[in-house]
Amino acid sequence: LLFISIMTMFMSGVVAIFEYDLKKIIALSTLSQLGMMMFSISLGLYELAFFHLLTHALFKALLFLCAGVLIHGAGNTQDIRSFGGLSLNFPLVTVCMNLANLSLCGVPFLAGFYSKDLIVELACQYSWGIFILLMMFICLSLTVLYSVRLTYLSFVGPYGGG
């Protein structure tokens, strides 16, 4: 279970980096976080996996709601290459989506931090080997990478629509 959960987190993170469909990126990040929950379960941290499930459900719901507004506002397209510069048109959605993305990344004092950081901290205390810890940190870095990419292409980058 430990190896499968690490590989799930890794593969979904890598695929999310190269994806341009907004809903697919959010769905792949959900798959990555499910891998994190399975990783927690494989370490015997059942309560933390459930806690991460609850916190993840809250900010993921916010991400999907913001994605719906962005898709509707961008002319019913899900391709993030055609977004760009939407922060001027949707300031409240920008703030909400960025807060949800930051929580997904585990930024301190947001909901995702309290669940994800405790899983990572306790995983570092177990002696599972350097490969498992290295892969876990790579997977966490991939989460930050595709979240920042999504934010940049949606809100900061140049407008790509026609």
N, C-alpha and C. Protein backbone atom coordinates (compact mmCIF):
# COMPACT_ATOMS: atom_id res chain seq x y z
N LEU A 1 0.84 -1.20 0.00
CA LEU A 1 0.00 0.00 0.00
C LEU A 1 0.88 1.25 0.00
N LEU A 2 1.99 1.19 0.73
CA LEU A 2 2.89 2.33 0.79
C LEU A 2 3.44 2.66 -0.60
N PHE A 3 3.92 1.67 -1.31
CA PHE A 3 4.50 1.89 -2.63
C PHE A 3 3.44 2.35 -3.63
N ILE A 4 2.26 1.74 -3.60
CA ILE A 4 1.19 2.12 -4.53
C ILE A 4 0.73 3.55 -4.27
N SER A 5 0.66 3.94 -3.00
CA SER A 5 0.22 5.30 -2.69
C SER A 5 1.27 6.33 -3.14
N ILE A 6 2.54 6.01 -2.97
CA ILE A 6 3.59 6.92 -3.43
C ILE A 6 3.55 7.04 -4.96
N MET A 7 3.38 5.93 -5.64
CA MET A 7 3.34 5.96 -7.11
C MET A 7 2.09 6.69 -7.61
N THR A 8 0.98 6.56 -6.89
CA THR A 8 -0.24 7.29 -7.25
C THR A 8 -0.02 8.79 -7.12
N MET A 9 0.59 9.20 -6.02
CA MET A 9 0.87 10.62 -5.83
C MET A 9 1.82 11.13 -6.90
N PHE A 10 2.83 10.35 -7.23
CA PHE A 10 3.83 10.78 -8.20
C PHE A 10 3.23 10.89 -9.60
N MET A 11 2.56 9.83 -10.04
CA MET A 11 2.02 9.83 -11.40
C MET A 11 0.95 10.89 -11.60
N SER A 12 0.06 11.05 -10.64
CA SER A 12 -0.97 12.08 -10.79
C SER A 12 -0.37 13.48 -10.76
N GLY A 13 0.70 13.68 -9.98
CA GLY A 13 1.36 14.98 -9.97
C GLY A 13 2.05 15.29 -11.28
N VAL A 14 2.73 14.30 -11.84
CA VAL A 14 3.41 14.51 -13.12
C VAL A 14 2.42 14.78 -14.24
N VAL A 15 1.33 14.03 -14.28
CA VAL A 15 0.32 14.23 -15.33
C VAL A 15 -0.35 15.60 -15.17
N ALA A 16 -0.59 16.03 -13.93
CA ALA A 16 -1.24 17.32 -13.70
C ALA A 16 -0.37 18.48 -14.18
N ILE A 17 0.94 18.31 -14.13
CA ILE A 17 1.84 19.38 -14.58
C ILE A 17 1.70 19.62 -16.08
N PHE A 18 1.44 18.55 -16.84
CA PHE A 18 1.38 18.67 -18.30
C PHE A 18 -0.04 18.78 -18.83
N GLU A 19 -1.02 18.89 -17.97
CA GLU A 19 -2.42 18.96 -18.37
C GLU A 19 -2.84 20.42 -18.54
N TYR A 20 -3.75 20.67 -19.47
CA TYR A 20 -4.26 22.02 -19.71
C TYR A 20 -5.76 22.16 -19.44
N ASP A 21 -6.42 21.09 -19.14
CA ASP A 21 -7.84 21.11 -18.83
C ASP A 21 -8.01 21.41 -17.34
N LEU A 22 -8.73 22.48 -17.03
CA LEU A 22 -8.87 22.94 -15.65
C LEU A 22 -9.47 21.87 -14.74
N LYS A 23 -10.55 21.26 -15.17
CA LYS A 23 -11.20 20.26 -14.31
C LYS A 23 -10.34 19.01 -14.16
N LYS A 24 -9.58 18.66 -15.19
CA LYS A 24 -8.69 17.50 -15.07
C LYS A 24 -7.55 17.77 -14.10
N ILE A 25 -7.04 18.98 -14.09
CA ILE A 25 -5.98 19.33 -13.14
C ILE A 25 -6.49 19.21 -11.72
N ILE A 26 -7.69 19.71 -11.48
CA ILE A 26 -8.26 19.63 -10.14
C ILE A 26 -8.56 18.17 -9.77
N ALA A 27 -9.04 17.38 -10.72
CA ALA A 27 -9.31 15.97 -10.46
C ALA A 27 -8.01 15.20 -10.20
N LEU A 28 -6.96 15.52 -10.95
CA LEU A 28 -5.67 14.86 -10.72
C LEU A 28 -5.07 15.25 -9.38
N SER A 29 -5.31 16.47 -8.95
CA SER A 29 -4.83 16.85 -7.62
C SER A 29 -5.61 16.11 -6.54
N THR A 30 -6.87 15.82 -6.80
CA THR A 30 -7.64 15.00 -5.87
C THR A 30 -7.06 13.59 -5.79
N LEU A 31 -6.70 13.04 -6.94
CA LEU A 31 -6.08 11.72 -6.97
C LEU A 31 -4.76 11.73 -6.20
N SER A 32 -3.99 12.77 -6.35
CA SER A 32 -2.74 12.89 -5.61
C SER A 32 -2.98 12.93 -4.11
N GLN A 33 -4.00 13.67 -3.70
CA GLN A 33 -4.31 13.75 -2.27
C GLN A 33 -4.89 12.44 -1.74
N LEU A 34 -5.61 11.71 -2.57
CA LEU A 34 -6.06 10.37 -2.16
C LEU A 34 -4.86 9.45 -1.95
N GLY A 35 -3.84 9.62 -2.80
CA GLY A 35 -2.59 8.89 -2.58
C GLY A 35 -1.96 9.26 -1.25
N MET A 36 -2.05 10.54 -0.89
CA MET A 36 -1.53 10.98 0.41
C MET A 36 -2.30 10.35 1.55
N MET A 37 -3.60 10.23 1.39
CA MET A 37 -4.41 9.57 2.43
C MET A 37 -4.07 8.09 2.55
N MET A 38 -3.88 7.43 1.41
CA MET A 38 -3.49 6.02 1.44
C MET A 38 -2.08 5.85 2.03
N PHE A 39 -1.22 6.82 1.75
CA PHE A 39 0.11 6.82 2.36
C PHE A 39 0.00 6.89 3.87
N SER A 40 -0.88 7.74 4.35
CA SER A 40 -1.11 7.87 5.78
C SER A 40 -1.68 6.57 6.37
N ILE A 41 -2.60 5.97 5.66
CA ILE A 41 -3.18 4.70 6.13
C ILE A 41 -2.11 3.61 6.16
N SER A 42 -1.23 3.60 5.15
CA SER A 42 -0.18 2.57 5.13
C SER A 42 0.79 2.71 6.29
N LEU A 43 0.90 3.91 6.84
CA LEU A 43 1.73 4.12 8.02
C LEU A 43 0.97 3.85 9.32
N GLY A 44 -0.31 3.53 9.20
CA GLY A 44 -1.12 3.26 10.38
C GLY A 44 -1.73 4.51 10.99
N LEU A 45 -1.72 5.60 10.27
CA LEU A 45 -2.24 6.88 10.77
C LEU A 45 -3.66 7.08 10.25
N TYR A 46 -4.58 6.27 10.73
CA TYR A 46 -5.95 6.26 10.21
C TYR A 46 -6.68 7.56 10.52
N GLU A 47 -6.50 8.08 11.72
CA GLU A 47 -7.20 9.31 12.10
C GLU A 47 -6.71 10.50 11.27
N LEU A 48 -5.41 10.53 11.00
CA LEU A 48 -4.88 11.62 10.19
C LEU A 48 -5.35 11.53 8.75
N ALA A 49 -5.50 10.31 8.24
CA ALA A 49 -6.03 10.15 6.88
C ALA A 49 -7.46 10.67 6.81
N PHE A 50 -8.25 10.39 7.84
CA PHE A 50 -9.64 10.88 7.86
C PHE A 50 -9.67 12.40 8.00
N PHE A 51 -8.80 12.94 8.84
CA PHE A 51 -8.71 14.39 9.01
C PHE A 51 -8.31 15.06 7.69
N HIS A 52 -7.36 14.45 6.99
CA HIS A 52 -6.95 15.00 5.70
C HIS A 52 -8.09 14.90 4.68
N LEU A 53 -8.86 13.84 4.75
CA LEU A 53 -10.02 13.69 3.88
C LEU A 53 -11.01 14.82 4.10
N LEU A 54 -11.28 15.15 5.35
CA LEU A 54 -12.25 16.22 5.65
C LEU A 54 -11.74 17.60 5.22
N THR A 55 -10.49 17.90 5.55
CA THR A 55 -9.97 19.22 5.16
C THR A 55 -9.83 19.33 3.64
N HIS A 56 -9.42 18.22 3.03
CA HIS A 56 -9.28 18.22 1.58
C HIS A 56 -10.63 18.41 0.90
N ALA A 57 -11.67 17.81 1.42
CA ALA A 57 -13.00 17.96 0.83
C ALA A 57 -13.47 19.41 0.86
N LEU A 58 -13.14 20.12 1.91
CA LEU A 58 -13.58 21.51 2.01
C LEU A 58 -12.89 22.41 0.99
N PHE A 59 -11.56 22.36 0.92
CA PHE A 59 -10.93 23.26 -0.03
C PHE A 59 -11.02 22.76 -1.46
N LYS A 60 -11.24 21.47 -1.66
CA LYS A 60 -11.43 20.98 -3.03
C LYS A 60 -12.80 21.39 -3.56
N ALA A 61 -13.80 21.42 -2.69
CA ALA A 61 -15.11 21.91 -3.10
C ALA A 61 -15.02 23.38 -3.51
N LEU A 62 -14.25 24.15 -2.77
CA LEU A 62 -14.06 25.56 -3.13
C LEU A 62 -13.34 25.68 -4.47
N LEU A 63 -12.36 24.82 -4.71
CA LEU A 63 -11.66 24.84 -6.00
C LEU A 63 -12.60 24.55 -7.16
N PHE A 64 -13.46 23.55 -7.01
CA PHE A 64 -14.39 23.22 -8.08
C PHE A 64 -15.43 24.32 -8.29
N LEU A 65 -15.88 24.97 -7.23
CA LEU A 65 -16.81 26.08 -7.39
C LEU A 65 -16.14 27.25 -8.14
N CYS A 66 -14.91 27.55 -7.76
CA CYS A 66 -14.17 28.61 -8.47
C CYS A 66 -13.91 28.23 -9.91
N ALA A 67 -13.63 26.97 -10.16
CA ALA A 67 -13.40 26.50 -11.53
C ALA A 67 -14.66 26.67 -12.37
N GLY A 68 -15.81 26.40 -11.79
CA GLY A 68 -17.07 26.58 -12.51
C GLY A 68 -17.30 28.03 -12.90
N VAL A 69 -16.98 28.94 -11.99
CA VAL A 69 -17.12 30.37 -12.30
C VAL A 69 -16.15 30.77 -13.40
N LEU A 70 -14.92 30.28 -13.32
CA LEU A 70 -13.93 30.63 -14.34
C LEU A 70 -14.31 30.06 -15.71
N ILE A 71 -14.78 28.84 -15.74
CA ILE A 71 -15.19 28.23 -17.01
C ILE A 71 -16.35 29.01 -17.62
N HIS A 72 -17.32 29.36 -16.78
CA HIS A 72 -18.47 30.13 -17.28
C HIS A 72 -18.02 31.51 -17.76
N GLY A 73 -17.13 32.15 -17.00
CA GLY A 73 -16.69 33.49 -17.36
C GLY A 73 -15.76 33.54 -18.55
N ALA A 74 -15.11 32.43 -18.85
CA ALA A 74 -14.16 32.40 -19.96
C ALA A 74 -14.81 31.87 -21.24
N GLY A 75 -16.11 31.91 -21.31
CA GLY A 75 -16.79 31.48 -22.53
C GLY A 75 -16.95 29.98 -22.63
N ASN A 76 -17.16 29.32 -21.51
CA ASN A 76 -17.39 27.87 -21.44
C ASN A 76 -16.24 27.04 -21.98
N THR A 77 -15.03 27.49 -21.75
CA THR A 77 -13.86 26.69 -22.11
C THR A 77 -13.14 26.26 -20.84
N GLN A 78 -12.60 25.07 -20.87
CA GLN A 78 -11.86 24.53 -19.72
C GLN A 78 -10.36 24.60 -19.94
N ASP A 79 -9.93 25.03 -21.10
CA ASP A 79 -8.52 25.08 -21.44
C ASP A 79 -7.88 26.29 -20.76
N ILE A 80 -6.94 26.04 -19.85
CA ILE A 80 -6.35 27.14 -19.10
C ILE A 80 -5.43 28.00 -19.96
N ARG A 81 -5.06 27.52 -21.14
CA ARG A 81 -4.27 28.35 -22.04
C ARG A 81 -5.07 29.53 -22.56
N SER A 82 -6.39 29.40 -22.54
CA SER A 82 -7.23 30.50 -23.03
C SER A 82 -7.71 31.41 -21.89
N PHE A 83 -7.23 31.18 -20.68
CA PHE A 83 -7.59 32.06 -19.56
C PHE A 83 -6.65 33.25 -19.54
N GLY A 84 -5.86 33.38 -18.56
CA GLY A 84 -4.87 34.45 -18.47
C GLY A 84 -5.47 35.78 -18.09
N GLY A 85 -4.94 36.41 -17.06
CA GLY A 85 -5.37 37.73 -16.66
C GLY A 85 -6.76 37.80 -16.08
N LEU A 86 -7.30 36.69 -15.62
CA LEU A 86 -8.67 36.70 -15.10
C LEU A 86 -8.78 37.33 -13.72
N SER A 87 -7.66 37.66 -13.09
CA SER A 87 -7.73 38.25 -11.76
C SER A 87 -8.38 39.64 -11.79
N LEU A 88 -8.28 40.32 -12.91
CA LEU A 88 -8.91 41.64 -13.02
C LEU A 88 -10.43 41.53 -13.16
N ASN A 89 -10.88 40.48 -13.84
CA ASN A 89 -12.31 40.30 -14.05
C ASN A 89 -13.00 39.59 -12.89
N PHE A 90 -12.26 38.76 -12.17
CA PHE A 90 -12.84 37.95 -11.09
C PHE A 90 -11.99 38.07 -9.83
N PRO A 91 -12.00 39.22 -9.16
CA PRO A 91 -11.11 39.37 -7.99
C PRO A 91 -11.49 38.46 -6.82
N LEU A 92 -12.78 38.27 -6.56
CA LEU A 92 -13.19 37.42 -5.44
C LEU A 92 -12.88 35.95 -5.73
N VAL A 93 -13.11 35.52 -6.96
CA VAL A 93 -12.79 34.15 -7.35
C VAL A 93 -11.28 33.93 -7.28
N THR A 94 -10.51 34.94 -7.65
CA THR A 94 -9.05 34.84 -7.57
C THR A 94 -8.60 34.61 -6.14
N VAL A 95 -9.15 35.39 -5.22
CA VAL A 95 -8.78 35.24 -3.81
C VAL A 95 -9.19 33.87 -3.29
N CYS A 96 -10.41 33.45 -3.58
CA CYS A 96 -10.89 32.15 -3.09
C CYS A 96 -10.10 31.00 -3.68
N MET A 97 -9.84 31.05 -4.97
CA MET A 97 -9.11 29.96 -5.62
C MET A 97 -7.66 29.91 -5.14
N ASN A 98 -7.06 31.07 -4.93
CA ASN A 98 -5.70 31.09 -4.42
C ASN A 98 -5.63 30.57 -2.99
N LEU A 99 -6.61 30.90 -2.17
CA LEU A 99 -6.64 30.35 -0.81
C LEU A 99 -6.79 28.84 -0.82
N ALA A 100 -7.66 28.34 -1.70
CA ALA A 100 -7.84 26.89 -1.80
C ALA A 100 -6.58 26.22 -2.33
N ASN A 101 -5.92 26.84 -3.31
CA ASN A 101 -4.66 26.29 -3.84
C ASN A 101 -3.56 26.31 -2.79
N LEU A 102 -3.48 27.38 -2.02
CA LEU A 102 -2.48 27.45 -0.96
C LEU A 102 -2.75 26.42 0.12
N SER A 103 -4.00 26.18 0.41
CA SER A 103 -4.34 25.13 1.37
C SER A 103 -3.98 23.76 0.82
N LEU A 104 -4.19 23.56 -0.46
CA LEU A 104 -3.79 22.30 -1.11
C LEU A 104 -2.28 22.09 -1.01
N CYS A 105 -1.53 23.17 -1.12
CA CYS A 105 -0.07 23.08 -1.04
C CYS A 105 0.43 22.90 0.39
N GLY A 106 -0.41 23.14 1.37
CA GLY A 106 -0.01 22.96 2.77
C GLY A 106 0.66 24.18 3.36
N VAL A 107 0.25 25.36 2.93
CA VAL A 107 0.81 26.59 3.47
C VAL A 107 0.36 26.74 4.93
N PRO A 108 1.30 27.14 5.81
CA PRO A 108 0.96 27.24 7.24
C PRO A 108 -0.25 28.12 7.52
N PHE A 109 -1.01 27.68 8.51
CA PHE A 109 -2.20 28.33 9.05
C PHE A 109 -3.43 28.19 8.15
N LEU A 110 -3.35 27.36 7.13
CA LEU A 110 -4.52 27.01 6.34
C LEU A 110 -4.87 25.56 6.63
N ALA A 111 -6.06 25.13 6.25
CA ALA A 111 -6.56 23.81 6.65
C ALA A 111 -5.67 22.67 6.17
N GLY A 112 -5.17 22.76 4.96
CA GLY A 112 -4.35 21.68 4.42
C GLY A 112 -3.04 21.50 5.16
N PHE A 113 -2.55 22.57 5.76
CA PHE A 113 -1.29 22.49 6.51
C PHE A 113 -1.42 21.58 7.71
N TYR A 114 -2.51 21.71 8.44
CA TYR A 114 -2.65 20.97 9.68
C TYR A 114 -2.79 19.48 9.45
N SER A 115 -3.37 19.09 8.35
CA SER A 115 -3.50 17.66 8.08
C SER A 115 -2.27 17.12 7.37
N LYS A 116 -1.79 17.81 6.36
CA LYS A 116 -0.67 17.30 5.56
C LYS A 116 0.64 17.35 6.32
N ASP A 117 0.89 18.42 7.07
CA ASP A 117 2.14 18.56 7.79
C ASP A 117 2.30 17.48 8.85
N LEU A 118 1.23 17.14 9.51
CA LEU A 118 1.32 16.10 10.55
C LEU A 118 1.60 14.74 9.94
N ILE A 119 1.02 14.47 8.77
CA ILE A 119 1.32 13.21 8.07
C ILE A 119 2.78 13.17 7.67
N VAL A 120 3.28 14.27 7.12
CA VAL A 120 4.68 14.33 6.68
C VAL A 120 5.62 14.21 7.88
N GLU A 121 5.29 14.90 8.95
CA GLU A 121 6.14 14.87 10.14
C GLU A 121 6.22 13.47 10.74
N LEU A 122 5.10 12.80 10.83
CA LEU A 122 5.11 11.45 11.39
C LEU A 122 5.73 10.45 10.42
N ALA A 123 5.61 10.69 9.12
CA ALA A 123 6.26 9.81 8.13
C ALA A 123 7.78 9.94 8.24
N CYS A 124 8.26 11.12 8.56
CA CYS A 124 9.71 11.31 8.72
C CYS A 124 10.23 10.61 9.97
N GLN A 125 9.38 10.38 10.95
CA GLN A 125 9.80 9.70 12.16
C GLN A 125 9.89 8.19 11.99
N TYR A 126 9.16 7.66 11.02
CA TYR A 126 9.25 6.23 10.73
C TYR A 126 10.52 5.97 9.94
N SER A 127 11.06 4.81 10.07
CA SER A 127 12.28 4.47 9.32
C SER A 127 11.93 3.60 8.12
N TRP A 128 11.32 4.22 7.11
CA TRP A 128 10.91 3.50 5.91
C TRP A 128 11.96 3.53 4.83
N GLY A 129 12.99 4.27 5.03
CA GLY A 129 14.05 4.35 4.04
C GLY A 129 14.04 5.69 3.33
N ILE A 130 15.18 6.00 2.77
CA ILE A 130 15.36 7.30 2.13
C ILE A 130 14.55 7.42 0.84
N PHE A 131 14.34 6.30 0.13
CA PHE A 131 13.60 6.34 -1.13
C PHE A 131 12.16 6.79 -0.89
N ILE A 132 11.51 6.24 0.12
CA ILE A 132 10.12 6.60 0.41
C ILE A 132 10.02 8.07 0.81
N LEU A 133 10.93 8.51 1.66
CA LEU A 133 10.89 9.92 2.08
C LEU A 133 11.19 10.86 0.92
N LEU A 134 12.15 10.49 0.09
CA LEU A 134 12.48 11.32 -1.06
C LEU A 134 11.31 11.40 -2.03
N MET A 135 10.67 10.28 -2.30
CA MET A 135 9.51 10.28 -3.19
C MET A 135 8.36 11.09 -2.59
N MET A 136 8.18 11.00 -1.28
CA MET A 136 7.11 11.78 -0.64
C MET A 136 7.35 13.27 -0.82
N PHE A 137 8.59 13.71 -0.63
CA PHE A 137 8.88 15.13 -0.78
C PHE A 137 8.82 15.57 -2.24
N ILE A 138 9.19 14.70 -3.15
CA ILE A 138 9.04 15.01 -4.58
C ILE A 138 7.56 15.18 -4.93
N CYS A 139 6.73 14.28 -4.41
CA CYS A 139 5.29 14.36 -4.68
C CYS A 139 4.68 15.62 -4.09
N LEU A 140 5.14 16.02 -2.91
CA LEU A 140 4.65 17.26 -2.32
C LEU A 140 5.10 18.47 -3.15
N SER A 141 6.30 18.40 -3.70
CA SER A 141 6.79 19.47 -4.57
C SER A 141 6.01 19.55 -5.87
N LEU A 142 5.61 18.39 -6.39
CA LEU A 142 4.79 18.38 -7.60
C LEU A 142 3.44 19.05 -7.36
N THR A 143 2.88 18.86 -6.16
CA THR A 143 1.62 19.51 -5.81
C THR A 143 1.77 21.03 -5.86
N VAL A 144 2.84 21.53 -5.31
CA VAL A 144 3.09 22.97 -5.33
C VAL A 144 3.30 23.44 -6.77
N LEU A 145 4.01 22.65 -7.55
CA LEU A 145 4.32 23.04 -8.93
C LEU A 145 3.07 23.16 -9.79
N TYR A 146 2.18 22.16 -9.76
CA TYR A 146 1.00 22.29 -10.61
C TYR A 146 0.00 23.29 -10.06
N SER A 147 0.02 23.55 -8.76
CA SER A 147 -0.86 24.59 -8.22
C SER A 147 -0.40 25.97 -8.63
N VAL A 148 0.90 26.21 -8.58
CA VAL A 148 1.44 27.50 -9.00
C VAL A 148 1.24 27.69 -10.50
N ARG A 149 1.42 26.63 -11.26
CA ARG A 149 1.21 26.70 -12.72
C ARG A 149 -0.24 27.05 -13.04
N LEU A 150 -1.17 26.42 -12.33
CA LEU A 150 -2.59 26.71 -12.54
C LEU A 150 -2.90 28.16 -12.21
N THR A 151 -2.38 28.65 -11.11
CA THR A 151 -2.62 30.04 -10.72
C THR A 151 -2.01 31.00 -11.73
N TYR A 152 -0.80 30.72 -12.16
CA TYR A 152 -0.14 31.61 -13.12
C TYR A 152 -0.90 31.66 -14.44
N LEU A 153 -1.21 30.51 -15.00
CA LEU A 153 -1.87 30.49 -16.30
C LEU A 153 -3.29 31.06 -16.25
N SER A 154 -3.95 30.94 -15.11
CA SER A 154 -5.32 31.43 -15.00
C SER A 154 -5.41 32.91 -14.68
N PHE A 155 -4.57 33.37 -13.78
CA PHE A 155 -4.77 34.72 -13.24
C PHE A 155 -3.68 35.72 -13.59
N VAL A 156 -2.47 35.26 -13.78
CA VAL A 156 -1.35 36.19 -13.94
C VAL A 156 -0.86 36.25 -15.38
N GLY A 157 -0.81 35.12 -16.03
CA GLY A 157 -0.25 35.02 -17.38
C GLY A 157 -1.00 35.84 -18.40
N PRO A 158 -0.44 35.92 -19.59
CA PRO A 158 -1.09 36.71 -20.65
C PRO A 158 -2.38 36.05 -21.11
N TYR A 159 -3.31 36.87 -21.54
CA TYR A 159 -4.59 36.38 -22.04
C TYR A 159 -4.35 35.58 -23.30
N GLY A 160 -4.89 34.37 -23.36
CA GLY A 160 -4.69 33.51 -24.51
C GLY A 160 -5.94 33.22 -25.31
N GLY A 161 -7.06 33.81 -24.91
CA GLY A 161 -8.32 33.54 -25.60
C GLY A 161 -8.42 34.30 -26.91
N GLY A 162 -9.40 33.89 -27.67
CA GLY A 162 -9.58 34.51 -28.98
C GLY A 162 -10.66 35.53 -29.04
